[in-house]
């Protein structure tokens, strides 16, 4: 098995690991995900029909209004939030979304995680250390 370690900056601490769900695109909360099921409902999104629940969500960033975080918060309350978040573009809405989702979250990595990590890879996110360990599928 090939392992890759990425270093970044902590947004939310804690540790989680699981299967990666990766997109090169930004994700909208409002109109982008169904907070009752965790399914991406934006039909124009490359992850349309895929479920974020129980996955390590690797994505470029957030798009849409400041209500973005409310949908991820509701997904957490419904038990369908991602296990962890790894993202490139930090904004106040994505930082707040990570905090209210209460999952380990890392940004500003030394390599583009959307180019290194592939859907299906096993990913360990150590938010306390600012490290992402990837085991290639």
C-alpha atoms as a PDB file:
ATOM      1  CA  UNK A   1       0.000   0.000   0.000  1.00  0.00           C
ATOM      2  CA  UNK A   2       1.239   3.448  -0.872  1.00  0.00           C
ATOM      3  CA  UNK A   3       0.865   6.122   1.806  1.00  0.00           C
ATOM      4  CA  UNK A   4       1.074   9.875   1.364  1.00  0.00           C
ATOM      5  CA  UNK A   5       1.177  12.435   4.167  1.00  0.00           C
ATOM      6  CA  UNK A   6      -0.062  15.980   3.598  1.00  0.00           C
ATOM      7  CA  UNK A   7       0.523  18.800   6.058  1.00  0.00           C
ATOM      8  CA  UNK A   8      -1.885  21.659   6.512  1.00  0.00           C
ATOM      9  CA  UNK A   9      -3.559  24.013   8.927  1.00  0.00           C
ATOM     10  CA  UNK A  10      -6.141  22.972  11.495  1.00  0.00           C
ATOM     11  CA  UNK A  11      -9.621  24.424  11.245  1.00  0.00           C
ATOM     12  CA  UNK A  12     -11.276  21.967  13.648  1.00  0.00           C
ATOM     13  CA  UNK A  13      -9.344  19.521  15.823  1.00  0.00           C
ATOM     14  CA  UNK A  14      -9.941  15.853  16.376  1.00  0.00           C
ATOM     15  CA  UNK A  15      -9.193  12.691  14.435  1.00  0.00           C
ATOM     16  CA  UNK A  16     -11.294  10.674  12.015  1.00  0.00           C
ATOM     17  CA  UNK A  17     -10.651   8.243   9.226  1.00  0.00           C
ATOM     18  CA  UNK A  18     -12.639   6.749   6.424  1.00  0.00           C
ATOM     19  CA  UNK A  19     -13.184   6.501   2.713  1.00  0.00           C
ATOM     20  CA  UNK A  20     -12.641   9.684   0.707  1.00  0.00           C
ATOM     21  CA  UNK A  21     -15.276  11.364  -1.436  1.00  0.00           C
ATOM     22  CA  UNK A  22     -13.474  13.863  -3.674  1.00  0.00           C
ATOM     23  CA  UNK A  23     -14.590  16.674  -5.940  1.00  0.00           C
ATOM     24  CA  UNK A  24     -12.695  19.337  -7.865  1.00  0.00           C
ATOM     25  CA  UNK A  25     -15.758  21.568  -7.537  1.00  0.00           C
ATOM     26  CA  UNK A  26     -17.011  23.792  -4.743  1.00  0.00           C
ATOM     27  CA  UNK A  27     -20.100  22.567  -2.889  1.00  0.00           C
ATOM     28  CA  UNK A  28     -23.236  24.505  -2.091  1.00  0.00           C
ATOM     29  CA  UNK A  29     -25.030  23.797   1.179  1.00  0.00           C
ATOM     30  CA  UNK A  30     -28.359  25.402   0.336  1.00  0.00           C
ATOM     31  CA  UNK A  31     -29.572  23.608  -2.776  1.00  0.00           C
ATOM     32  CA  UNK A  32     -26.418  21.521  -2.969  1.00  0.00           C
ATOM     33  CA  UNK A  33     -26.965  18.847  -0.341  1.00  0.00           C
ATOM     34  CA  UNK A  34     -30.041  17.311   1.212  1.00  0.00           C
ATOM     35  CA  UNK A  35     -29.475  17.716   4.971  1.00  0.00           C
ATOM     36  CA  UNK A  36     -31.928  14.898   5.688  1.00  0.00           C
ATOM     37  CA  UNK A  37     -30.022  12.274   3.662  1.00  0.00           C
ATOM     38  CA  UNK A  38     -26.543  13.724   3.006  1.00  0.00           C
ATOM     39  CA  UNK A  39     -27.021  13.257  -0.734  1.00  0.00           C
ATOM     40  CA  UNK A  40     -25.657  15.860  -3.157  1.00  0.00           C
ATOM     41  CA  UNK A  41     -28.814  17.112  -4.897  1.00  0.00           C
ATOM     42  CA  UNK A  42     -27.285  19.776  -7.160  1.00  0.00           C
ATOM     43  CA  UNK A  43     -27.799  18.042 -10.514  1.00  0.00           C
ATOM     44  CA  UNK A  44     -25.019  20.103 -12.126  1.00  0.00           C
ATOM     45  CA  UNK A  45     -22.450  18.951  -9.561  1.00  0.00           C
ATOM     46  CA  UNK A  46     -20.040  16.111 -10.371  1.00  0.00           C
ATOM     47  CA  UNK A  47     -21.085  14.378  -7.104  1.00  0.00           C
ATOM     48  CA  UNK A  48     -24.822  14.553  -7.876  1.00  0.00           C
ATOM     49  CA  UNK A  49     -26.500  11.547  -6.288  1.00  0.00           C
ATOM     50  CA  UNK A  50     -23.514  10.695  -4.064  1.00  0.00           C
ATOM     51  CA  UNK A  51     -23.807  10.714  -0.278  1.00  0.00           C
ATOM     52  CA  UNK A  52     -21.402  12.664   1.970  1.00  0.00           C
ATOM     53  CA  UNK A  53     -22.485  10.751   5.091  1.00  0.00           C
ATOM     54  CA  UNK A  54     -19.670   8.832   6.731  1.00  0.00           C
ATOM     55  CA  UNK A  55     -17.088   9.954   4.168  1.00  0.00           C
ATOM     56  CA  UNK A  56     -14.014  12.156   4.366  1.00  0.00           C
ATOM     57  CA  UNK A  57     -15.146  15.003   2.145  1.00  0.00           C
ATOM     58  CA  UNK A  58     -12.293  16.415   0.055  1.00  0.00           C
ATOM     59  CA  UNK A  59     -13.271  19.492  -1.939  1.00  0.00           C
ATOM     60  CA  UNK A  60     -12.176  22.862  -3.192  1.00  0.00           C
ATOM     61  CA  UNK A  61     -14.433  24.981  -0.985  1.00  0.00           C
ATOM     62  CA  UNK A  62     -17.896  26.359  -0.391  1.00  0.00           C
ATOM     63  CA  UNK A  63     -20.133  28.246  -2.764  1.00  0.00           C
ATOM     64  CA  UNK A  64     -23.317  30.084  -2.100  1.00  0.00           C
ATOM     65  CA  UNK A  65     -24.610  32.211   0.722  1.00  0.00           C
ATOM     66  CA  UNK A  66     -23.765  32.334   4.401  1.00  0.00           C
ATOM     67  CA  UNK A  67     -26.577  29.816   4.937  1.00  0.00           C
ATOM     68  CA  UNK A  68     -24.132  27.183   3.673  1.00  0.00           C
ATOM     69  CA  UNK A  69     -23.104  26.191   7.182  1.00  0.00           C
ATOM     70  CA  UNK A  70     -26.703  25.676   8.331  1.00  0.00           C
ATOM     71  CA  UNK A  71     -27.152  22.789   5.889  1.00  0.00           C
ATOM     72  CA  UNK A  72     -24.013  21.036   7.115  1.00  0.00           C
ATOM     73  CA  UNK A  73     -25.080  21.652  10.722  1.00  0.00           C
ATOM     74  CA  UNK A  74     -28.488  20.133   9.974  1.00  0.00           C
ATOM     75  CA  UNK A  75     -26.802  17.180   8.245  1.00  0.00           C
ATOM     76  CA  UNK A  76     -24.819  16.595  11.462  1.00  0.00           C
ATOM     77  CA  UNK A  77     -27.985  16.729  13.555  1.00  0.00           C
ATOM     78  CA  UNK A  78     -29.547  14.166  11.212  1.00  0.00           C
ATOM     79  CA  UNK A  79     -26.516  11.864  11.386  1.00  0.00           C
ATOM     80  CA  UNK A  80     -25.588  12.282   7.718  1.00  0.00           C
ATOM     81  CA  UNK A  81     -22.574  14.614   7.918  1.00  0.00           C
ATOM     82  CA  UNK A  82     -19.138  13.744   6.602  1.00  0.00           C
ATOM     83  CA  UNK A  83     -16.606  12.208   9.033  1.00  0.00           C
ATOM     84  CA  UNK A  84     -14.041  14.911   8.261  1.00  0.00           C
ATOM     85  CA  UNK A  85     -13.395  17.742   5.802  1.00  0.00           C
ATOM     86  CA  UNK A  86     -10.293  18.556   3.792  1.00  0.00           C
ATOM     87  CA  UNK A  87     -10.487  21.635   1.584  1.00  0.00           C
ATOM     88  CA  UNK A  88      -8.415  24.159  -0.370  1.00  0.00           C
ATOM     89  CA  UNK A  89     -10.207  27.496  -0.170  1.00  0.00           C
ATOM     90  CA  UNK A  90     -10.856  28.877   3.298  1.00  0.00           C
ATOM     91  CA  UNK A  91     -13.682  31.367   3.698  1.00  0.00           C
ATOM     92  CA  UNK A  92     -15.678  32.362   6.755  1.00  0.00           C
ATOM     93  CA  UNK A  93     -18.634  30.272   5.573  1.00  0.00           C
ATOM     94  CA  UNK A  94     -16.586  27.090   5.165  1.00  0.00           C
ATOM     95  CA  UNK A  95     -14.789  27.631   8.483  1.00  0.00           C
ATOM     96  CA  UNK A  96     -18.128  28.122  10.250  1.00  0.00           C
ATOM     97  CA  UNK A  97     -19.517  25.094   8.405  1.00  0.00           C
ATOM     98  CA  UNK A  98     -16.643  22.942   9.641  1.00  0.00           C
ATOM     99  CA  UNK A  99     -17.091  24.195  13.209  1.00  0.00           C
ATOM    100  CA  UNK A 100     -20.858  23.558  13.349  1.00  0.00           C
ATOM    101  CA  UNK A 101     -20.445  20.177  11.651  1.00  0.00           C
ATOM    102  CA  UNK A 102     -18.036  19.304  14.494  1.00  0.00           C
ATOM    103  CA  UNK A 103     -15.748  17.143  12.407  1.00  0.00           C
ATOM    104  CA  UNK A 104     -11.973  17.337  12.019  1.00  0.00           C
ATOM    105  CA  UNK A 105     -11.153  19.825   9.257  1.00  0.00           C
ATOM    106  CA  UNK A 106      -7.881  20.832   7.618  1.00  0.00           C
ATOM    107  CA  UNK A 107      -7.028  23.437   4.978  1.00  0.00           C
ATOM    108  CA  UNK A 108      -3.977  25.086   3.381  1.00  0.00           C
ATOM    109  CA  UNK A 109      -2.264  21.784   2.669  1.00  0.00           C
ATOM    110  CA  UNK A 110       1.243  21.582   1.218  1.00  0.00           C
ATOM    111  CA  UNK A 111      -0.216  19.844  -1.865  1.00  0.00           C
ATOM    112  CA  UNK A 112      -3.615  20.145  -3.536  1.00  0.00           C
ATOM    113  CA  UNK A 113      -5.658  17.426  -1.807  1.00  0.00           C
ATOM    114  CA  UNK A 114      -8.168  17.274  -4.675  1.00  0.00           C
ATOM    115  CA  UNK A 115      -5.323  16.207  -6.974  1.00  0.00           C
ATOM    116  CA  UNK A 116      -3.605  13.786  -4.558  1.00  0.00           C
ATOM    117  CA  UNK A 117      -6.613  12.079  -2.945  1.00  0.00           C
ATOM    118  CA  UNK A 118      -9.064  10.056  -5.039  1.00  0.00           C
ATOM    119  CA  UNK A 119     -12.553   8.879  -4.195  1.00  0.00           C
ATOM    120  CA  UNK A 120     -12.187   5.516  -2.477  1.00  0.00           C
ATOM    121  CA  UNK A 121      -8.772   6.209  -0.926  1.00  0.00           C
ATOM    122  CA  UNK A 122      -8.590   5.633   2.840  1.00  0.00           C
ATOM    123  CA  UNK A 123      -7.896   8.941   4.592  1.00  0.00           C
ATOM    124  CA  UNK A 124      -6.966   9.701   8.186  1.00  0.00           C
ATOM    125  CA  UNK A 125      -7.500  13.331   9.181  1.00  0.00           C
ATOM    126  CA  UNK A 126      -5.653  14.486  12.293  1.00  0.00           C
ATOM    127  CA  UNK A 127      -7.037  17.957  12.867  1.00  0.00           C
ATOM    128  CA  UNK A 128      -4.948  18.421  16.010  1.00  0.00           C
ATOM    129  CA  UNK A 129      -1.661  17.887  14.165  1.00  0.00           C
ATOM    130  CA  UNK A 130      -2.814  19.396  10.854  1.00  0.00           C
ATOM    131  CA  UNK A 131      -1.990  16.166   9.011  1.00  0.00           C
ATOM    132  CA  UNK A 132      -3.776  14.068   6.433  1.00  0.00           C
ATOM    133  CA  UNK A 133      -2.571  10.515   5.823  1.00  0.00           C
ATOM    134  CA  UNK A 134      -3.734   8.937   2.581  1.00  0.00           C
ATOM    135  CA  UNK A 135      -3.626   5.228   1.813  1.00  0.00           C
ATOM    136  CA  UNK A 136      -4.152   4.817  -1.913  1.00  0.00           C
ATOM    137  CA  UNK A 137      -6.844   2.355  -2.961  1.00  0.00           C
END
